[in-house]
Amino acid sequence: MEDLEIKKYEEMARISKALSHPSRLFIIHKLGEQEYCVKDLSQMIGAHISTVSKHLTILKKAGIIDSEKRGNFNFYKLQTRCVLDIFNYIMNVINFNKDKKNKI
C-alpha cells in the first residue's frame, strides 16, 4: 500500500472507532432528529454529564458532529446527515445474519 492509501484507511478506522460505542450511536441517532445540549443527552442516555461530554468530544474530533454555543449551553448537531446511512447498513447486516441463522 502507498502512503496516501494507508492514511485513507487510518482515517476510516479512526472514524469507525468513534462510532464503536452504543452511547455514541444513540447520540448520533438523536442528533439526526434535532439539536441537543449535553444535559438533555445525559438525561436520555442515563449517564453523567462528564461521560456524555467525553462521547461528544470523540464524535466532534472525528468530524461527525459539531457544536454551537448559545448562552451558557453548547448545542450539538450532526455535521453531515449521511452518517445516518450507516445505521441502515448495519441493520441490513443484522437482518441478513438473523435470517441466515433462522434458515439453519
PDB file of N, CA and C in Angstrom:
ATOM      1  N   MET A   1       0.835  -1.188   0.000  1.00  0.00           N
ATOM      2  CA  MET A   1       0.000   0.000   0.000  1.00  0.00           C
ATOM      3  C   MET A   1       0.876   1.246   0.000  1.00  0.00           C
ATOM      4  N   GLU A   2       0.385   2.250  -0.679  1.00  0.00           N
ATOM      5  CA  GLU A   2       1.094   3.523  -0.725  1.00  0.00           C
ATOM      6  C   GLU A   2       0.715   4.360   0.504  1.00  0.00           C
ATOM      7  N   ASP A   3       1.562   5.350   0.801  1.00  0.00           N
ATOM      8  CA  ASP A   3       1.342   6.197   1.982  1.00  0.00           C
ATOM      9  C   ASP A   3      -0.032   6.855   1.979  1.00  0.00           C
ATOM     10  N   LEU A   4      -0.445   7.364   0.833  1.00  0.00           N
ATOM     11  CA  LEU A   4      -1.743   8.030   0.739  1.00  0.00           C
ATOM     12  C   LEU A   4      -2.877   7.057   1.027  1.00  0.00           C
ATOM     13  N   GLU A   5      -2.748   5.856   0.540  1.00  0.00           N
ATOM     14  CA  GLU A   5      -3.763   4.833   0.765  1.00  0.00           C
ATOM     15  C   GLU A   5      -3.792   4.423   2.238  1.00  0.00           C
ATOM     16  N   ILE A   6      -2.628   4.287   2.835  1.00  0.00           N
ATOM     17  CA  ILE A   6      -2.538   3.953   4.262  1.00  0.00           C
ATOM     18  C   ILE A   6      -3.226   5.026   5.096  1.00  0.00           C
ATOM     19  N   LYS A   7      -2.963   6.282   4.785  1.00  0.00           N
ATOM     20  CA  LYS A   7      -3.570   7.392   5.532  1.00  0.00           C
ATOM     21  C   LYS A   7      -5.086   7.381   5.399  1.00  0.00           C
ATOM     22  N   LYS A   8      -5.569   7.047   4.211  1.00  0.00           N
ATOM     23  CA  LYS A   8      -7.010   6.985   3.977  1.00  0.00           C
ATOM     24  C   LYS A   8      -7.645   5.925   4.876  1.00  0.00           C
ATOM     25  N   TYR A   9      -7.031   4.743   4.946  1.00  0.00           N
ATOM     26  CA  TYR A   9      -7.585   3.667   5.768  1.00  0.00           C
ATOM     27  C   TYR A   9      -7.424   3.947   7.261  1.00  0.00           C
ATOM     28  N   GLU A  10      -6.369   4.626   7.629  1.00  0.00           N
ATOM     29  CA  GLU A  10      -6.201   5.024   9.029  1.00  0.00           C
ATOM     30  C   GLU A  10      -7.293   6.002   9.442  1.00  0.00           C
ATOM     31  N   GLU A  11      -7.613   6.927   8.577  1.00  0.00           N
ATOM     32  CA  GLU A  11      -8.679   7.897   8.855  1.00  0.00           C
ATOM     33  C   GLU A  11     -10.036   7.202   8.930  1.00  0.00           C
ATOM     34  N   MET A  12     -10.272   6.259   8.034  1.00  0.00           N
ATOM     35  CA  MET A  12     -11.516   5.487   8.078  1.00  0.00           C
ATOM     36  C   MET A  12     -11.620   4.700   9.385  1.00  0.00           C
ATOM     37  N   ALA A  13     -10.516   4.135   9.831  1.00  0.00           N
ATOM     38  CA  ALA A  13     -10.506   3.382  11.085  1.00  0.00           C
ATOM     39  C   ALA A  13     -10.756   4.299  12.283  1.00  0.00           C
ATOM     40  N   ARG A  14     -10.191   5.484  12.244  1.00  0.00           N
ATOM     41  CA  ARG A  14     -10.375   6.448  13.337  1.00  0.00           C
ATOM     42  C   ARG A  14     -11.847   6.848  13.462  1.00  0.00           C
ATOM     43  N   ILE A  15     -12.474   7.106  12.331  1.00  0.00           N
ATOM     44  CA  ILE A  15     -13.891   7.471  12.350  1.00  0.00           C
ATOM     45  C   ILE A  15     -14.745   6.279  12.764  1.00  0.00           C
ATOM     46  N   SER A  16     -14.407   5.100  12.282  1.00  0.00           N
ATOM     47  CA  SER A  16     -15.143   3.895  12.678  1.00  0.00           C
ATOM     48  C   SER A  16     -15.033   3.652  14.171  1.00  0.00           C
ATOM     49  N   LYS A  17     -13.868   3.892  14.721  1.00  0.00           N
ATOM     50  CA  LYS A  17     -13.668   3.725  16.159  1.00  0.00           C
ATOM     51  C   LYS A  17     -14.550   4.697  16.945  1.00  0.00           C
ATOM     52  N   ALA A  18     -14.709   5.914  16.436  1.00  0.00           N
ATOM     53  CA  ALA A  18     -15.569   6.894  17.102  1.00  0.00           C
ATOM     54  C   ALA A  18     -17.017   6.418  17.132  1.00  0.00           C
ATOM     55  N   LEU A  19     -17.396   5.612  16.164  1.00  0.00           N
ATOM     56  CA  LEU A  19     -18.763   5.094  16.085  1.00  0.00           C
ATOM     57  C   LEU A  19     -18.971   3.824  16.917  1.00  0.00           C
ATOM     58  N   SER A  20     -17.911   3.289  17.465  1.00  0.00           N
ATOM     59  CA  SER A  20     -17.985   1.947  18.053  1.00  0.00           C
ATOM     60  C   SER A  20     -18.369   1.928  19.536  1.00  0.00           C
ATOM     61  N   HIS A  21     -19.372   2.690  19.910  1.00  0.00           N
ATOM     62  CA  HIS A  21     -19.894   2.659  21.273  1.00  0.00           C
ATOM     63  C   HIS A  21     -21.401   2.878  21.209  1.00  0.00           C
ATOM     64  N   PRO A  22     -22.173   2.076  21.942  1.00  0.00           N
ATOM     65  CA  PRO A  22     -23.632   2.215  21.895  1.00  0.00           C
ATOM     66  C   PRO A  22     -24.129   3.625  22.235  1.00  0.00           C
ATOM     67  N   SER A  23     -23.529   4.264  23.210  1.00  0.00           N
ATOM     68  CA  SER A  23     -23.976   5.615  23.574  1.00  0.00           C
ATOM     69  C   SER A  23     -23.705   6.610  22.454  1.00  0.00           C
ATOM     70  N   ARG A  24     -22.582   6.450  21.770  1.00  0.00           N
ATOM     71  CA  ARG A  24     -22.274   7.359  20.671  1.00  0.00           C
ATOM     72  C   ARG A  24     -23.216   7.131  19.488  1.00  0.00           C
ATOM     73  N   LEU A  25     -23.576   5.882  19.242  1.00  0.00           N
ATOM     74  CA  LEU A  25     -24.561   5.593  18.189  1.00  0.00           C
ATOM     75  C   LEU A  25     -25.912   6.201  18.557  1.00  0.00           C
ATOM     76  N   PHE A  26     -26.288   6.101  19.831  1.00  0.00           N
ATOM     77  CA  PHE A  26     -27.540   6.698  20.299  1.00  0.00           C
ATOM     78  C   PHE A  26     -27.505   8.211  20.091  1.00  0.00           C
ATOM     79  N   ILE A  27     -26.392   8.837  20.462  1.00  0.00           N
ATOM     80  CA  ILE A  27     -26.242  10.291  20.305  1.00  0.00           C
ATOM     81  C   ILE A  27     -26.411  10.681  18.842  1.00  0.00           C
ATOM     82  N   ILE A  28     -25.761   9.962  17.948  1.00  0.00           N
ATOM     83  CA  ILE A  28     -25.874  10.259  16.518  1.00  0.00           C
ATOM     84  C   ILE A  28     -27.322  10.135  16.069  1.00  0.00           C
ATOM     85  N   HIS A  29     -27.971   9.068  16.501  1.00  0.00           N
ATOM     86  CA  HIS A  29     -29.379   8.859  16.144  1.00  0.00           C
ATOM     87  C   HIS A  29     -30.238  10.029  16.618  1.00  0.00           C
ATOM     88  N   LYS A  30     -30.064  10.450  17.867  1.00  0.00           N
ATOM     89  CA  LYS A  30     -30.859  11.554  18.419  1.00  0.00           C
ATOM     90  C   LYS A  30     -30.536  12.867  17.716  1.00  0.00           C
ATOM     91  N   LEU A  31     -29.257  13.106  17.414  1.00  0.00           N
ATOM     92  CA  LEU A  31     -28.891  14.338  16.725  1.00  0.00           C
ATOM     93  C   LEU A  31     -29.391  14.346  15.288  1.00  0.00           C
ATOM     94  N   GLY A  32     -29.745  13.179  14.761  1.00  0.00           N
ATOM     95  CA  GLY A  32     -30.385  13.102  13.454  1.00  0.00           C
ATOM     96  C   GLY A  32     -31.800  13.639  13.490  1.00  0.00           C
ATOM     97  N   GLU A  33     -32.386  13.669  14.687  1.00  0.00           N
ATOM     98  CA  GLU A  33     -33.744  14.186  14.855  1.00  0.00           C
ATOM     99  C   GLU A  33     -33.745  15.687  15.083  1.00  0.00           C
ATOM    100  N   GLN A  34     -32.810  16.162  15.930  1.00  0.00           N
ATOM    101  CA  GLN A  34     -32.712  17.587  16.245  1.00  0.00           C
ATOM    102  C   GLN A  34     -31.435  17.855  17.024  1.00  0.00           C
ATOM    103  N   GLU A  35     -31.159  19.126  17.279  1.00  0.00           N
ATOM    104  CA  GLU A  35     -30.009  19.520  18.087  1.00  0.00           C
ATOM    105  C   GLU A  35     -30.337  19.300  19.561  1.00  0.00           C
ATOM    106  N   TYR A  36     -29.291  18.970  20.334  1.00  0.00           N
ATOM    107  CA  TYR A  36     -29.446  18.780  21.782  1.00  0.00           C
ATOM    108  C   TYR A  36     -28.236  19.345  22.504  1.00  0.00           C
ATOM    109  N   CYS A  37     -28.445  19.713  23.756  1.00  0.00           N
ATOM    110  CA  CYS A  37     -27.324  20.078  24.626  1.00  0.00           C
ATOM    111  C   CYS A  37     -26.928  18.837  25.419  1.00  0.00           C
ATOM    112  N   VAL A  38     -25.770  18.888  26.052  1.00  0.00           N
ATOM    113  CA  VAL A  38     -25.233  17.730  26.764  1.00  0.00           C
ATOM    114  C   VAL A  38     -26.157  17.313  27.912  1.00  0.00           C
ATOM    115  N   LYS A  39     -26.785  18.259  28.559  1.00  0.00           N
ATOM    116  CA  LYS A  39     -27.689  17.932  29.677  1.00  0.00           C
ATOM    117  C   LYS A  39     -28.852  17.061  29.194  1.00  0.00           C
ATOM    118  N   ASP A  40     -29.460  17.444  28.071  1.00  0.00           N
ATOM    119  CA  ASP A  40     -30.571  16.663  27.527  1.00  0.00           C
ATOM    120  C   ASP A  40     -30.119  15.262  27.122  1.00  0.00           C
ATOM    121  N   LEU A  41     -28.978  15.188  26.448  1.00  0.00           N
ATOM    122  CA  LEU A  41     -28.464  13.878  26.037  1.00  0.00           C
ATOM    123  C   LEU A  41     -28.132  13.010  27.246  1.00  0.00           C
ATOM    124  N   SER A  42     -27.583  13.613  28.285  1.00  0.00           N
ATOM    125  CA  SER A  42     -27.250  12.871  29.502  1.00  0.00           C
ATOM    126  C   SER A  42     -28.491  12.253  30.122  1.00  0.00           C
ATOM    127  N   GLN A  43     -29.560  13.022  30.157  1.00  0.00           N
ATOM    128  CA  GLN A  43     -30.815  12.515  30.724  1.00  0.00           C
ATOM    129  C   GLN A  43     -31.378  11.372  29.888  1.00  0.00           C
ATOM    130  N   MET A  44     -31.299  11.497  28.567  1.00  0.00           N
ATOM    131  CA  MET A  44     -31.817  10.447  27.686  1.00  0.00           C
ATOM    132  C   MET A  44     -31.007   9.157  27.823  1.00  0.00           C
ATOM    133  N   ILE A  45     -29.690   9.302  27.913  1.00  0.00           N
ATOM    134  CA  ILE A  45     -28.809   8.135  27.999  1.00  0.00           C
ATOM    135  C   ILE A  45     -28.825   7.541  29.400  1.00  0.00           C
ATOM    136  N   GLY A  46     -28.988   8.401  30.394  1.00  0.00           N
ATOM    137  CA  GLY A  46     -28.930   7.941  31.780  1.00  0.00           C
ATOM    138  C   GLY A  46     -27.502   7.854  32.279  1.00  0.00           C
ATOM    139  N   ALA A  47     -26.670   8.750  31.778  1.00  0.00           N
ATOM    140  CA  ALA A  47     -25.260   8.772  32.160  1.00  0.00           C
ATOM    141  C   ALA A  47     -24.905  10.168  32.663  1.00  0.00           C
ATOM    142  N   HIS A  48     -23.819  10.248  33.390  1.00  0.00           N
ATOM    143  CA  HIS A  48     -23.357  11.523  33.936  1.00  0.00           C
ATOM    144  C   HIS A  48     -22.938  12.455  32.799  1.00  0.00           C
ATOM    145  N   ILE A  49     -23.111  13.745  33.012  1.00  0.00           N
ATOM    146  CA  ILE A  49     -22.768  14.750  32.001  1.00  0.00           C
ATOM    147  C   ILE A  49     -21.315  14.625  31.550  1.00  0.00           C
ATOM    148  N   SER A  50     -20.402  14.341  32.476  1.00  0.00           N
ATOM    149  CA  SER A  50     -18.985  14.235  32.098  1.00  0.00           C
ATOM    150  C   SER A  50     -18.749  13.067  31.144  1.00  0.00           C
ATOM    151  N   THR A  51     -19.468  11.980  31.343  1.00  0.00           N
ATOM    152  CA  THR A  51     -19.331  10.819  30.454  1.00  0.00           C
ATOM    153  C   THR A  51     -19.855  11.150  29.064  1.00  0.00           C
ATOM    154  N   VAL A  52     -21.012  11.782  29.007  1.00  0.00           N
ATOM    155  CA  VAL A  52     -21.597  12.146  27.718  1.00  0.00           C
ATOM    156  C   VAL A  52     -20.727  13.192  27.020  1.00  0.00           C
ATOM    157  N   SER A  53     -20.161  14.106  27.783  1.00  0.00           N
ATOM    158  CA  SER A  53     -19.254  15.111  27.209  1.00  0.00           C
ATOM    159  C   SER A  53     -18.055  14.447  26.538  1.00  0.00           C
ATOM    160  N   LYS A  54     -17.528  13.386  27.145  1.00  0.00           N
ATOM    161  CA  LYS A  54     -16.402  12.662  26.539  1.00  0.00           C
ATOM    162  C   LYS A  54     -16.823  12.023  25.221  1.00  0.00           C
ATOM    163  N   HIS A  55     -18.026  11.443  25.201  1.00  0.00           N
ATOM    164  CA  HIS A  55     -18.530  10.853  23.953  1.00  0.00           C
ATOM    165  C   HIS A  55     -18.679  11.929  22.879  1.00  0.00           C
ATOM    166  N   LEU A  56     -19.220  13.081  23.266  1.00  0.00           N
ATOM    167  CA  LEU A  56     -19.402  14.175  22.317  1.00  0.00           C
ATOM    168  C   LEU A  56     -18.063  14.677  21.782  1.00  0.00           C
ATOM    169  N   THR A  57     -17.064  14.736  22.634  1.00  0.00           N
ATOM    170  CA  THR A  57     -15.726  15.160  22.204  1.00  0.00           C
ATOM    171  C   THR A  57     -15.153  14.197  21.172  1.00  0.00           C
ATOM    172  N   ILE A  58     -15.322  12.910  21.400  1.00  0.00           N
ATOM    173  CA  ILE A  58     -14.831  11.902  20.452  1.00  0.00           C
ATOM    174  C   ILE A  58     -15.525  12.060  19.106  1.00  0.00           C
ATOM    175  N   LEU A  59     -16.835  12.238  19.125  1.00  0.00           N
ATOM    176  CA  LEU A  59     -17.592  12.400  17.883  1.00  0.00           C
ATOM    177  C   LEU A  59     -17.218  13.696  17.170  1.00  0.00           C
ATOM    178  N   LYS A  60     -16.969  14.736  17.945  1.00  0.00           N
ATOM    179  CA  LYS A  60     -16.600  16.025  17.348  1.00  0.00           C
ATOM    180  C   LYS A  60     -15.209  15.955  16.722  1.00  0.00           C
ATOM    181  N   LYS A  61     -14.262  15.316  17.407  1.00  0.00           N
ATOM    182  CA  LYS A  61     -12.906  15.177  16.865  1.00  0.00           C
ATOM    183  C   LYS A  61     -12.896  14.348  15.583  1.00  0.00           C
ATOM    184  N   ALA A  62     -13.854  13.417  15.473  1.00  0.00           N
ATOM    185  CA  ALA A  62     -13.954  12.584  14.270  1.00  0.00           C
ATOM    186  C   ALA A  62     -14.656  13.320  13.136  1.00  0.00           C
ATOM    187  N   GLY A  63     -15.191  14.519  13.416  1.00  0.00           N
ATOM    188  CA  GLY A  63     -15.871  15.289  12.390  1.00  0.00           C
ATOM    189  C   GLY A  63     -17.298  14.848  12.130  1.00  0.00           C
ATOM    190  N   ILE A  64     -17.848  14.067  13.041  1.00  0.00           N
ATOM    191  CA  ILE A  64     -19.204  13.547  12.863  1.00  0.00           C
ATOM    192  C   ILE A  64     -20.244  14.559  13.338  1.00  0.00           C
ATOM    193  N   ILE A  65     -19.926  15.272  14.415  1.00  0.00           N
ATOM    194  CA  ILE A  65     -20.838  16.276  14.948  1.00  0.00           C
ATOM    195  C   ILE A  65     -20.121  17.618  15.061  1.00  0.00           C
ATOM    196  N   ASP A  66     -20.911  18.640  15.318  1.00  0.00           N
ATOM    197  CA  ASP A  66     -20.382  19.977  15.549  1.00  0.00           C
ATOM    198  C   ASP A  66     -21.202  20.587  16.680  1.00  0.00           C
ATOM    199  N   SER A  67     -20.724  21.694  17.234  1.00  0.00           N
ATOM    200  CA  SER A  67     -21.452  22.348  18.319  1.00  0.00           C
ATOM    201  C   SER A  67     -21.503  23.844  18.097  1.00  0.00           C
ATOM    202  N   GLU A  68     -22.490  24.446  18.728  1.00  0.00           N
ATOM    203  CA  GLU A  68     -22.665  25.888  18.666  1.00  0.00           C
ATOM    204  C   GLU A  68     -23.027  26.376  20.059  1.00  0.00           C
ATOM    205  N   LYS A  69     -22.304  27.363  20.547  1.00  0.00           N
ATOM    206  CA  LYS A  69     -22.557  27.914  21.879  1.00  0.00           C
ATOM    207  C   LYS A  69     -23.714  28.898  21.795  1.00  0.00           C
ATOM    208  N   ARG A  70     -24.712  28.677  22.667  1.00  0.00           N
ATOM    209  CA  ARG A  70     -25.854  29.573  22.786  1.00  0.00           C
ATOM    210  C   ARG A  70     -26.068  29.856  24.262  1.00  0.00           C
ATOM    211  N   GLY A  71     -25.740  31.053  24.664  1.00  0.00           N
ATOM    212  CA  GLY A  71     -25.826  31.386  26.087  1.00  0.00           C
ATOM    213  C   GLY A  71     -24.815  30.566  26.852  1.00  0.00           C
ATOM    214  N   ASN A  72     -25.279  29.850  27.859  1.00  0.00           N
ATOM    215  CA  ASN A  72     -24.408  29.013  28.688  1.00  0.00           C
ATOM    216  C   ASN A  72     -24.289  27.578  28.177  1.00  0.00           C
ATOM    217  N   PHE A  73     -24.957  27.256  27.081  1.00  0.00           N
ATOM    218  CA  PHE A  73     -25.022  25.876  26.631  1.00  0.00           C
ATOM    219  C   PHE A  73     -24.404  25.707  25.243  1.00  0.00           C
ATOM    220  N   ASN A  74     -23.801  24.530  25.035  1.00  0.00           N
ATOM    221  CA  ASN A  74     -23.367  24.104  23.710  1.00  0.00           C
ATOM    222  C   ASN A  74     -24.443  23.190  23.157  1.00  0.00           C
ATOM    223  N   PHE A  75     -24.915  23.493  21.961  1.00  0.00           N
ATOM    224  CA  PHE A  75     -25.873  22.629  21.301  1.00  0.00           C
ATOM    225  C   PHE A  75     -25.146  21.854  20.212  1.00  0.00           C
ATOM    226  N   TYR A  76     -25.402  20.563  20.166  1.00  0.00           N
ATOM    227  CA  TYR A  76     -24.709  19.665  19.248  1.00  0.00           C
ATOM    228  C   TYR A  76     -25.629  19.289  18.101  1.00  0.00           C
ATOM    229  N   LYS A  77     -25.025  19.133  16.911  1.00  0.00           N
ATOM    230  CA  LYS A  77     -25.766  18.748  15.716  1.00  0.00           C
ATOM    231  C   LYS A  77     -24.878  17.875  14.851  1.00  0.00           C
ATOM    232  N   LEU A  78     -25.509  17.132  13.950  1.00  0.00           N
ATOM    233  CA  LEU A  78     -24.741  16.325  13.008  1.00  0.00           C
ATOM    234  C   LEU A  78     -24.016  17.235  12.031  1.00  0.00           C
ATOM    235  N   GLN A  79     -22.789  16.880  11.740  1.00  0.00           N
ATOM    236  CA  GLN A  79     -22.000  17.617  10.750  1.00  0.00           C
ATOM    237  C   GLN A  79     -22.526  17.304   9.350  1.00  0.00           C
ATOM    238  N   THR A  80     -22.748  16.027   9.086  1.00  0.00           N
ATOM    239  CA  THR A  80     -23.344  15.584   7.818  1.00  0.00           C
ATOM    240  C   THR A  80     -24.361  14.491   8.119  1.00  0.00           C
ATOM    241  N   ARG A  81     -25.505  14.594   7.504  1.00  0.00           N
ATOM    242  CA  ARG A  81     -26.589  13.635   7.768  1.00  0.00           C
ATOM    243  C   ARG A  81     -26.296  12.252   7.173  1.00  0.00           C
ATOM    244  N   CYS A  82     -25.366  12.165   6.251  1.00  0.00           N
ATOM    245  CA  CYS A  82     -25.089  10.881   5.608  1.00  0.00           C
ATOM    246  C   CYS A  82     -24.595   9.835   6.608  1.00  0.00           C
ATOM    247  N   VAL A  83     -24.110  10.271   7.759  1.00  0.00           N
ATOM    248  CA  VAL A  83     -23.657   9.311   8.762  1.00  0.00           C
ATOM    249  C   VAL A  83     -24.819   8.416   9.214  1.00  0.00           C
ATOM    250  N   LEU A  84     -26.050   8.913   9.095  1.00  0.00           N
ATOM    251  CA  LEU A  84     -27.215   8.108   9.467  1.00  0.00           C
ATOM    252  C   LEU A  84     -27.387   6.904   8.547  1.00  0.00           C
ATOM    253  N   ASP A  85     -26.836   6.973   7.332  1.00  0.00           N
ATOM    254  CA  ASP A  85     -26.904   5.837   6.416  1.00  0.00           C
ATOM    255  C   ASP A  85     -26.207   4.611   6.998  1.00  0.00           C
ATOM    256  N   ILE A  86     -25.244   4.842   7.842  1.00  0.00           N
ATOM    257  CA  ILE A  86     -24.517   3.730   8.472  1.00  0.00           C
ATOM    258  C   ILE A  86     -25.479   2.841   9.243  1.00  0.00           C
ATOM    259  N   PHE A  87     -26.482   3.452   9.895  1.00  0.00           N
ATOM    260  CA  PHE A  87     -27.463   2.668  10.646  1.00  0.00           C
ATOM    261  C   PHE A  87     -28.202   1.700   9.722  1.00  0.00           C
ATOM    262  N   ASN A  88     -28.566   2.161   8.534  1.00  0.00           N
ATOM    263  CA  ASN A  88     -29.249   1.287   7.576  1.00  0.00           C
ATOM    264  C   ASN A  88     -28.367   0.123   7.163  1.00  0.00           C
ATOM    265  N   TYR A  89     -27.098   0.398   6.901  1.00  0.00           N
ATOM    266  CA  TYR A  89     -26.177  -0.658   6.503  1.00  0.00           C
ATOM    267  C   TYR A  89     -25.989  -1.683   7.615  1.00  0.00           C
ATOM    268  N   ILE A  90     -25.848  -1.195   8.833  1.00  0.00           N
ATOM    269  CA  ILE A  90     -25.663  -2.101   9.972  1.00  0.00           C
ATOM    270  C   ILE A  90     -26.907  -2.964  10.177  1.00  0.00           C
ATOM    271  N   MET A  91     -28.092  -2.346  10.094  1.00  0.00           N
ATOM    272  CA  MET A  91     -29.327  -3.108  10.263  1.00  0.00           C
ATOM    273  C   MET A  91     -29.488  -4.143   9.154  1.00  0.00           C
ATOM    274  N   ASN A  92     -29.043  -3.819   7.948  1.00  0.00           N
ATOM    275  CA  ASN A  92     -29.085  -4.814   6.859  1.00  0.00           C
ATOM    276  C   ASN A  92     -28.223  -6.026   7.194  1.00  0.00           C
ATOM    277  N   VAL A  93     -27.051  -5.799   7.744  1.00  0.00           N
ATOM    278  CA  VAL A  93     -26.167  -6.900   8.138  1.00  0.00           C
ATOM    279  C   VAL A  93     -26.811  -7.710   9.261  1.00  0.00           C
ATOM    280  N   ILE A  94     -27.365  -7.016  10.260  1.00  0.00           N
ATOM    281  CA  ILE A  94     -28.026  -7.709  11.382  1.00  0.00           C
ATOM    282  C   ILE A  94     -29.168  -8.570  10.863  1.00  0.00           C
ATOM    283  N   ASN A  95     -30.010  -7.994  10.015  1.00  0.00           N
ATOM    284  CA  ASN A  95     -31.154  -8.754   9.483  1.00  0.00           C
ATOM    285  C   ASN A  95     -30.711  -9.910   8.607  1.00  0.00           C
ATOM    286  N   PHE A  96     -29.663  -9.708   7.811  1.00  0.00           N
ATOM    287  CA  PHE A  96     -29.144 -10.785   6.979  1.00  0.00           C
ATOM    288  C   PHE A  96     -28.662 -11.940   7.848  1.00  0.00           C
ATOM    289  N   ASN A  97     -27.910 -11.610   8.895  1.00  0.00           N
ATOM    290  CA  ASN A  97     -27.384 -12.650   9.774  1.00  0.00           C
ATOM    291  C   ASN A  97     -28.499 -13.346  10.545  1.00  0.00           C
ATOM    292  N   LYS A  98     -29.513 -12.588  10.941  1.00  0.00           N
ATOM    293  CA  LYS A  98     -30.648 -13.181  11.646  1.00  0.00           C
ATOM    294  C   LYS A  98     -31.386 -14.141  10.723  1.00  0.00           C
ATOM    295  N   ASP A  99     -31.628 -13.726   9.476  1.00  0.00           N
ATOM    296  CA  ASP A  99     -32.299 -14.577   8.505  1.00  0.00           C
ATOM    297  C   ASP A  99     -31.475 -15.829   8.215  1.00  0.00           C
ATOM    298  N   LYS A 100     -30.176 -15.662   8.136  1.00  0.00           N
ATOM    299  CA  LYS A 100     -29.267 -16.776   7.866  1.00  0.00           C
ATOM    300  C   LYS A 100     -29.339 -17.810   8.997  1.00  0.00           C
ATOM    301  N   LYS A 101     -29.364 -17.346  10.234  1.00  0.00           N
ATOM    302  CA  LYS A 101     -29.444 -18.250  11.390  1.00  0.00           C
ATOM    303  C   LYS A 101     -30.790 -18.975  11.421  1.00  0.00           C
ATOM    304  N   ASN A 102     -31.856 -18.286  11.043  1.00  0.00           N
ATOM    305  CA  ASN A 102     -33.192 -18.898  11.059  1.00  0.00           C
ATOM    306  C   ASN A 102     -33.355 -19.979  10.008  1.00  0.00           C
ATOM    307  N   LYS A 103     -32.527 -19.954   8.967  1.00  0.00           N
ATOM    308  CA  LYS A 103     -32.605 -20.945   7.887  1.00  0.00           C
ATOM    309  C   LYS A 103     -31.866 -22.218   8.230  1.00  0.00           C
ATOM    310  N   ILE A 104     -31.006 -22.153   9.237  1.00  0.00           N
ATOM    311  CA  ILE A 104     -30.207 -23.343   9.595  1.00  0.00           C
ATOM    312  C   ILE A 104     -31.012 -24.299  10.416  1.00  0.00           C
TER     313      ILE A 104
END
